[in-house]
Amino acid sequence: MTPTFMGSEPVTAESGKYAGVSVFQDEQNVGLRFMRSLAPEQQRAAIIGAKDGRSENLSEMFKDNITVPFQGIAAGSLSQAHRDQLMELIGLYVGNLRDGHATVNLADVRTHLDRTHFAWKGDTDADAAFYYRIHSPVILIEFDHQGPIALEGSRGTPTRRHVHTVVRTPNGNDYGKDLLRQHYKKFEGSPHHGHQNR
């Protein structure tokens, strides 16, 4: 399943054959609903900062085996109802797998649920732009509202019209290494570096 990166700008098709079709609405709305369902002190524990950058995702490209600290609120401290809601949210991402694989992955996630953390950046009002991260020993999920690239608006101001999601396996060596880039970096300037005609 990993690494999985999905992104869209805009998130709703405004014309053509698929006009009106939207993506990432469940991931957005279920995530916000979960955050808003937490008690105020739990929300304070989950919040790790303001949503003040164009991009908050830590585990996108070129971040093979990135070490991300566990932050936010631990699921082990939540009620069963909240734990069920968190599993529903995780299921939106894992559910992209075929049913049998999704069942196996979700069982693995549930086994580590006490050690799963939910972290949040941004506001929690109904139309807020925000970032959240779900992180356990076996899964790392990020959802991020990002600044526009092609649409109007300041690139530094996140918008609900540009979304990135990432699903990774922590320390799972799930991104390929760019061996050619490593080679060039290591041998740059070397007299033996370069291509020979054969």
C-alpha atoms as a PDB file:
ATOM      1  CA  MET A   1       0.000   0.000   0.000  1.00  0.00           C
ATOM      2  CA  THR A   2       2.837   2.367   0.718  1.00  0.00           C
ATOM      3  CA  PRO A   3       4.101   4.770  -0.231  1.00  0.00           C
ATOM      4  CA  THR A   4       0.865   6.333  -1.432  1.00  0.00           C
ATOM      5  CA  PHE A   5       0.701   9.985  -2.400  1.00  0.00           C
ATOM      6  CA  MET A   6      -2.499  11.575  -3.647  1.00  0.00           C
ATOM      7  CA  GLY A   7      -3.072  15.239  -4.353  1.00  0.00           C
ATOM      8  CA  SER A   8      -5.454  17.454  -6.224  1.00  0.00           C
ATOM      9  CA  GLU A   9      -5.889  21.111  -7.138  1.00  0.00           C
ATOM     10  CA  PRO A  10      -8.723  21.875  -7.468  1.00  0.00           C
ATOM     11  CA  VAL A  11     -10.512  19.165  -5.488  1.00  0.00           C
ATOM     12  CA  THR A  12     -13.787  19.683  -7.368  1.00  0.00           C
ATOM     13  CA  ALA A  13     -14.089  19.445 -11.147  1.00  0.00           C
ATOM     14  CA  GLU A  14     -15.733  22.642 -12.329  1.00  0.00           C
ATOM     15  CA  SER A  15     -16.390  21.716 -15.957  1.00  0.00           C
ATOM     16  CA  GLY A  16     -16.360  18.880 -18.414  1.00  0.00           C
ATOM     17  CA  LYS A  17     -17.512  15.306 -18.136  1.00  0.00           C
ATOM     18  CA  TYR A  18     -16.812  15.097 -14.382  1.00  0.00           C
ATOM     19  CA  ALA A  19     -18.143  18.517 -13.383  1.00  0.00           C
ATOM     20  CA  GLY A  20     -19.197  18.490  -9.749  1.00  0.00           C
ATOM     21  CA  VAL A  21     -17.114  15.442  -8.786  1.00  0.00           C
ATOM     22  CA  SER A  22     -15.043  16.086  -5.644  1.00  0.00           C
ATOM     23  CA  VAL A  23     -12.164  14.223  -4.002  1.00  0.00           C
ATOM     24  CA  PHE A  24     -10.790  14.125  -0.442  1.00  0.00           C
ATOM     25  CA  GLN A  25     -14.057  15.350   1.076  1.00  0.00           C
ATOM     26  CA  ASP A  26     -14.450  12.329   3.370  1.00  0.00           C
ATOM     27  CA  GLU A  27     -10.833  12.515   4.526  1.00  0.00           C
ATOM     28  CA  GLN A  28     -11.319  16.232   5.186  1.00  0.00           C
ATOM     29  CA  ASN A  29     -14.731  16.119   6.823  1.00  0.00           C
ATOM     30  CA  VAL A  30     -14.289  12.972   8.913  1.00  0.00           C
ATOM     31  CA  GLY A  31     -10.935  14.285  10.134  1.00  0.00           C
ATOM     32  CA  LEU A  32     -12.459  17.617  11.150  1.00  0.00           C
ATOM     33  CA  ARG A  33     -15.445  15.895  12.759  1.00  0.00           C
ATOM     34  CA  PHE A  34     -13.124  13.703  14.809  1.00  0.00           C
ATOM     35  CA  MET A  35     -11.071  16.682  15.975  1.00  0.00           C
ATOM     36  CA  ARG A  36     -14.189  18.668  16.880  1.00  0.00           C
ATOM     37  CA  SER A  37     -15.622  15.724  18.825  1.00  0.00           C
ATOM     38  CA  LEU A  38     -12.689  15.769  21.232  1.00  0.00           C
ATOM     39  CA  ALA A  39     -13.056  17.569  24.555  1.00  0.00           C
ATOM     40  CA  PRO A  40     -11.301  20.970  24.735  1.00  0.00           C
ATOM     41  CA  GLU A  41      -8.402  19.589  26.776  1.00  0.00           C
ATOM     42  CA  GLN A  42      -8.013  16.709  24.305  1.00  0.00           C
ATOM     43  CA  GLN A  43      -7.984  19.156  21.396  1.00  0.00           C
ATOM     44  CA  ARG A  44      -5.247  21.125  23.141  1.00  0.00           C
ATOM     45  CA  ALA A  45      -3.242  17.912  23.483  1.00  0.00           C
ATOM     46  CA  ALA A  46      -3.719  17.134  19.785  1.00  0.00           C
ATOM     47  CA  ILE A  47      -2.713  20.573  18.471  1.00  0.00           C
ATOM     48  CA  ILE A  48       0.989  20.779  17.624  1.00  0.00           C
ATOM     49  CA  GLY A  49       0.987  24.237  16.052  1.00  0.00           C
ATOM     50  CA  ALA A  50      -0.624  26.721  13.737  1.00  0.00           C
ATOM     51  CA  LYS A  51      -1.304  25.985  10.078  1.00  0.00           C
ATOM     52  CA  ASP A  52       1.032  28.704   8.937  1.00  0.00           C
ATOM     53  CA  GLY A  53       2.796  27.285   5.926  1.00  0.00           C
ATOM     54  CA  ARG A  54       1.905  26.423   2.377  1.00  0.00           C
ATOM     55  CA  SER A  55       2.786  22.786   3.030  1.00  0.00           C
ATOM     56  CA  GLU A  56       2.951  20.845   6.299  1.00  0.00           C
ATOM     57  CA  ASN A  57       3.380  17.256   5.081  1.00  0.00           C
ATOM     58  CA  LEU A  58       6.623  15.776   6.351  1.00  0.00           C
ATOM     59  CA  SER A  59       6.722  12.503   4.440  1.00  0.00           C
ATOM     60  CA  GLU A  60       6.328  13.390   0.770  1.00  0.00           C
ATOM     61  CA  MET A  61       8.950  12.682  -1.931  1.00  0.00           C
ATOM     62  CA  PHE A  62      12.652  12.284  -1.145  1.00  0.00           C
ATOM     63  CA  LYS A  63      11.849  11.435   2.496  1.00  0.00           C
ATOM     64  CA  ASP A  64      12.723   7.758   2.534  1.00  0.00           C
ATOM     65  CA  ASN A  65      12.686   6.359   6.076  1.00  0.00           C
ATOM     66  CA  ILE A  66      12.057   9.803   7.557  1.00  0.00           C
ATOM     67  CA  THR A  67      11.931   9.750  11.343  1.00  0.00           C
ATOM     68  CA  VAL A  68       8.836  11.629  12.514  1.00  0.00           C
ATOM     69  CA  PRO A  69       8.331  12.170  16.244  1.00  0.00           C
ATOM     70  CA  PHE A  70       5.138  10.929  17.836  1.00  0.00           C
ATOM     71  CA  GLN A  71       3.127  14.069  18.589  1.00  0.00           C
ATOM     72  CA  GLY A  72      -0.419  14.957  19.534  1.00  0.00           C
ATOM     73  CA  ILE A  73      -2.847  12.918  21.564  1.00  0.00           C
ATOM     74  CA  ALA A  74      -2.392   9.170  22.064  1.00  0.00           C
ATOM     75  CA  ALA A  75      -5.336   6.962  21.176  1.00  0.00           C
ATOM     76  CA  GLY A  76      -4.661   4.999  24.363  1.00  0.00           C
ATOM     77  CA  SER A  77      -6.072   7.945  26.315  1.00  0.00           C
ATOM     78  CA  LEU A  78      -9.298   8.135  24.295  1.00  0.00           C
ATOM     79  CA  SER A  79     -12.736   6.674  24.942  1.00  0.00           C
ATOM     80  CA  GLN A  80     -13.855   3.642  22.967  1.00  0.00           C
ATOM     81  CA  ALA A  81     -16.188   5.849  20.920  1.00  0.00           C
ATOM     82  CA  HIS A  82     -13.304   8.123  19.956  1.00  0.00           C
ATOM     83  CA  ARG A  83     -11.069   5.146  19.193  1.00  0.00           C
ATOM     84  CA  ASP A  84     -13.791   3.823  16.880  1.00  0.00           C
ATOM     85  CA  GLN A  85     -13.981   7.219  15.155  1.00  0.00           C
ATOM     86  CA  LEU A  86     -10.223   7.254  14.695  1.00  0.00           C
ATOM     87  CA  MET A  87     -10.340   3.776  13.159  1.00  0.00           C
ATOM     88  CA  GLU A  88     -13.093   4.988  10.816  1.00  0.00           C
ATOM     89  CA  LEU A  89     -10.802   7.815   9.697  1.00  0.00           C
ATOM     90  CA  ILE A  90      -7.847   5.462   9.194  1.00  0.00           C
ATOM     91  CA  GLY A  91     -10.163   3.154   7.252  1.00  0.00           C
ATOM     92  CA  LEU A  92     -10.732   5.861   4.641  1.00  0.00           C
ATOM     93  CA  TYR A  93      -7.076   5.523   3.684  1.00  0.00           C
ATOM     94  CA  VAL A  94      -6.502   1.802   4.221  1.00  0.00           C
ATOM     95  CA  GLY A  95      -9.822   1.077   2.520  1.00  0.00           C
ATOM     96  CA  ASN A  96      -8.251   2.006  -0.817  1.00  0.00           C
ATOM     97  CA  LEU A  97      -6.737  -1.485  -0.759  1.00  0.00           C
ATOM     98  CA  ARG A  98      -8.619  -4.567  -1.865  1.00  0.00           C
ATOM     99  CA  ASP A  99     -10.894  -5.839   0.893  1.00  0.00           C
ATOM    100  CA  GLY A 100      -8.703  -8.731   2.043  1.00  0.00           C
ATOM    101  CA  HIS A 101      -5.558  -6.609   2.193  1.00  0.00           C
ATOM    102  CA  ALA A 102      -7.441  -3.775   3.897  1.00  0.00           C
ATOM    103  CA  THR A 103      -8.725  -6.183   6.563  1.00  0.00           C
ATOM    104  CA  VAL A 104      -5.190  -7.401   7.306  1.00  0.00           C
ATOM    105  CA  ASN A 105      -3.795  -3.855   7.426  1.00  0.00           C
ATOM    106  CA  LEU A 106      -6.579  -2.550   9.648  1.00  0.00           C
ATOM    107  CA  ALA A 107      -6.083  -5.471  12.051  1.00  0.00           C
ATOM    108  CA  ASP A 108      -2.399  -4.510  12.280  1.00  0.00           C
ATOM    109  CA  VAL A 109      -3.322  -0.869  12.901  1.00  0.00           C
ATOM    110  CA  ARG A 110      -5.832  -1.875  15.587  1.00  0.00           C
ATOM    111  CA  THR A 111      -3.174  -3.975  17.349  1.00  0.00           C
ATOM    112  CA  HIS A 112      -1.064  -0.808  17.723  1.00  0.00           C
ATOM    113  CA  LEU A 113      -3.968   1.561  18.407  1.00  0.00           C
ATOM    114  CA  ASP A 114      -2.869   2.458  21.946  1.00  0.00           C
ATOM    115  CA  ARG A 115       0.431   3.707  20.500  1.00  0.00           C
ATOM    116  CA  THR A 116      -1.260   5.662  17.703  1.00  0.00           C
ATOM    117  CA  HIS A 117      -1.106   9.464  17.886  1.00  0.00           C
ATOM    118  CA  PHE A 118      -3.356  12.065  16.308  1.00  0.00           C
ATOM    119  CA  ALA A 119      -1.790  15.481  15.699  1.00  0.00           C
ATOM    120  CA  TRP A 120      -3.398  18.656  14.324  1.00  0.00           C
ATOM    121  CA  LYS A 121      -2.320  22.017  12.949  1.00  0.00           C
ATOM    122  CA  GLY A 122      -4.773  24.791  12.234  1.00  0.00           C
ATOM    123  CA  ASP A 123      -8.204  25.929  13.305  1.00  0.00           C
ATOM    124  CA  THR A 124     -11.267  23.767  13.821  1.00  0.00           C
ATOM    125  CA  ASP A 125     -14.092  25.944  12.499  1.00  0.00           C
ATOM    126  CA  ALA A 126     -16.338  24.547   9.786  1.00  0.00           C
ATOM    127  CA  ASP A 127     -14.380  25.988   6.835  1.00  0.00           C
ATOM    128  CA  ALA A 128     -10.866  25.900   8.328  1.00  0.00           C
ATOM    129  CA  ALA A 129      -7.767  24.902   6.384  1.00  0.00           C
ATOM    130  CA  PHE A 130      -5.808  22.399   8.451  1.00  0.00           C
ATOM    131  CA  TYR A 131      -3.302  19.568   8.627  1.00  0.00           C
ATOM    132  CA  TYR A 132      -3.552  16.325  10.553  1.00  0.00           C
ATOM    133  CA  ARG A 133      -1.300  13.346  11.083  1.00  0.00           C
ATOM    134  CA  ILE A 134      -2.114   9.837  12.283  1.00  0.00           C
ATOM    135  CA  HIS A 135       1.029   8.045  13.344  1.00  0.00           C
ATOM    136  CA  SER A 136       1.634   4.609  14.816  1.00  0.00           C
ATOM    137  CA  PRO A 137       4.422   2.024  14.639  1.00  0.00           C
ATOM    138  CA  VAL A 138       2.766   0.561  11.526  1.00  0.00           C
ATOM    139  CA  ILE A 139       1.197   3.491   9.641  1.00  0.00           C
ATOM    140  CA  LEU A 140       1.815   7.178   8.999  1.00  0.00           C
ATOM    141  CA  ILE A 141      -1.029   9.172   7.431  1.00  0.00           C
ATOM    142  CA  GLU A 142      -0.891  12.878   6.597  1.00  0.00           C
ATOM    143  CA  PHE A 143      -3.657  15.153   5.308  1.00  0.00           C
ATOM    144  CA  ASP A 144      -2.800  18.722   4.329  1.00  0.00           C
ATOM    145  CA  HIS A 145      -4.621  21.709   2.875  1.00  0.00           C
ATOM    146  CA  GLN A 146      -1.948  23.499   0.840  1.00  0.00           C
ATOM    147  CA  GLY A 147      -1.403  26.824  -0.859  1.00  0.00           C
ATOM    148  CA  PRO A 148      -2.467  27.120  -4.491  1.00  0.00           C
ATOM    149  CA  ILE A 149      -0.061  26.391  -7.333  1.00  0.00           C
ATOM    150  CA  ALA A 150      -2.216  26.904 -10.428  1.00  0.00           C
ATOM    151  CA  LEU A 151      -5.329  28.513  -8.959  1.00  0.00           C
ATOM    152  CA  GLU A 152      -5.675  32.119  -7.865  1.00  0.00           C
ATOM    153  CA  GLY A 153      -4.579  33.128  -4.390  1.00  0.00           C
ATOM    154  CA  SER A 154      -1.400  33.492  -2.405  1.00  0.00           C
ATOM    155  CA  ARG A 155       0.845  30.437  -2.665  1.00  0.00           C
ATOM    156  CA  GLY A 156       1.669  30.794   1.005  1.00  0.00           C
ATOM    157  CA  THR A 157      -1.951  30.641   2.152  1.00  0.00           C
ATOM    158  CA  PRO A 158      -3.439  27.144   2.483  1.00  0.00           C
ATOM    159  CA  THR A 159      -6.803  26.535   0.863  1.00  0.00           C
ATOM    160  CA  ARG A 160      -9.341  23.742   0.785  1.00  0.00           C
ATOM    161  CA  ARG A 161      -8.977  23.714  -3.002  1.00  0.00           C
ATOM    162  CA  HIS A 162      -5.532  22.073  -2.832  1.00  0.00           C
ATOM    163  CA  VAL A 163      -5.116  18.853  -0.838  1.00  0.00           C
ATOM    164  CA  HIS A 164      -2.241  16.396  -0.420  1.00  0.00           C
ATOM    165  CA  THR A 165      -2.478  13.061   1.388  1.00  0.00           C
ATOM    166  CA  VAL A 166       0.315  10.621   2.148  1.00  0.00           C
ATOM    167  CA  VAL A 167       0.286   7.104   3.578  1.00  0.00           C
ATOM    168  CA  ARG A 168       3.646   5.632   4.578  1.00  0.00           C
ATOM    169  CA  THR A 169       5.017   2.667   6.507  1.00  0.00           C
ATOM    170  CA  PRO A 170       7.212   4.125   9.275  1.00  0.00           C
ATOM    171  CA  ASN A 171      10.821   3.045   8.802  1.00  0.00           C
ATOM    172  CA  GLY A 172       9.581   0.714   6.095  1.00  0.00           C
ATOM    173  CA  ASN A 173      12.071   1.636   3.363  1.00  0.00           C
ATOM    174  CA  ASP A 174       9.018   2.243   1.209  1.00  0.00           C
ATOM    175  CA  TYR A 175      10.431   4.912  -1.110  1.00  0.00           C
ATOM    176  CA  GLY A 176      12.994   3.849  -3.674  1.00  0.00           C
ATOM    177  CA  LYS A 177      16.441   5.328  -3.348  1.00  0.00           C
ATOM    178  CA  ASP A 178      17.590   7.685  -6.101  1.00  0.00           C
ATOM    179  CA  LEU A 179      20.840   5.837  -6.740  1.00  0.00           C
ATOM    180  CA  LEU A 180      21.863   8.005  -9.684  1.00  0.00           C
ATOM    181  CA  ARG A 181      21.468  11.166  -7.616  1.00  0.00           C
ATOM    182  CA  GLN A 182      23.523   9.607  -4.799  1.00  0.00           C
ATOM    183  CA  HIS A 183      26.219   8.641  -7.320  1.00  0.00           C
ATOM    184  CA  TYR A 184      26.400  12.150  -8.787  1.00  0.00           C
ATOM    185  CA  LYS A 185      26.524  13.687  -5.325  1.00  0.00           C
ATOM    186  CA  LYS A 186      29.308  11.360  -4.208  1.00  0.00           C
ATOM    187  CA  PHE A 187      31.474  11.703  -7.308  1.00  0.00           C
ATOM    188  CA  GLU A 188      30.708  15.273  -8.373  1.00  0.00           C
ATOM    189  CA  GLY A 189      33.958  16.932  -9.456  1.00  0.00           C
ATOM    190  CA  SER A 190      35.823  13.640  -9.643  1.00  0.00           C
ATOM    191  CA  PRO A 191      38.152  13.360 -12.677  1.00  0.00           C
ATOM    192  CA  HIS A 192      36.690   9.906 -13.328  1.00  0.00           C
ATOM    193  CA  HIS A 193      33.113  11.115 -13.197  1.00  0.00           C
ATOM    194  CA  GLY A 194      31.145  11.228 -16.426  1.00  0.00           C
ATOM    195  CA  HIS A 195      30.012   9.041 -19.247  1.00  0.00           C
ATOM    196  CA  GLN A 196      32.355   7.352 -21.676  1.00  0.00           C
ATOM    197  CA  ASN A 197      31.424   6.687 -25.251  1.00  0.00           C
ATOM    198  CA  ARG A 198      31.546   3.047 -26.118  1.00  0.00           C
END
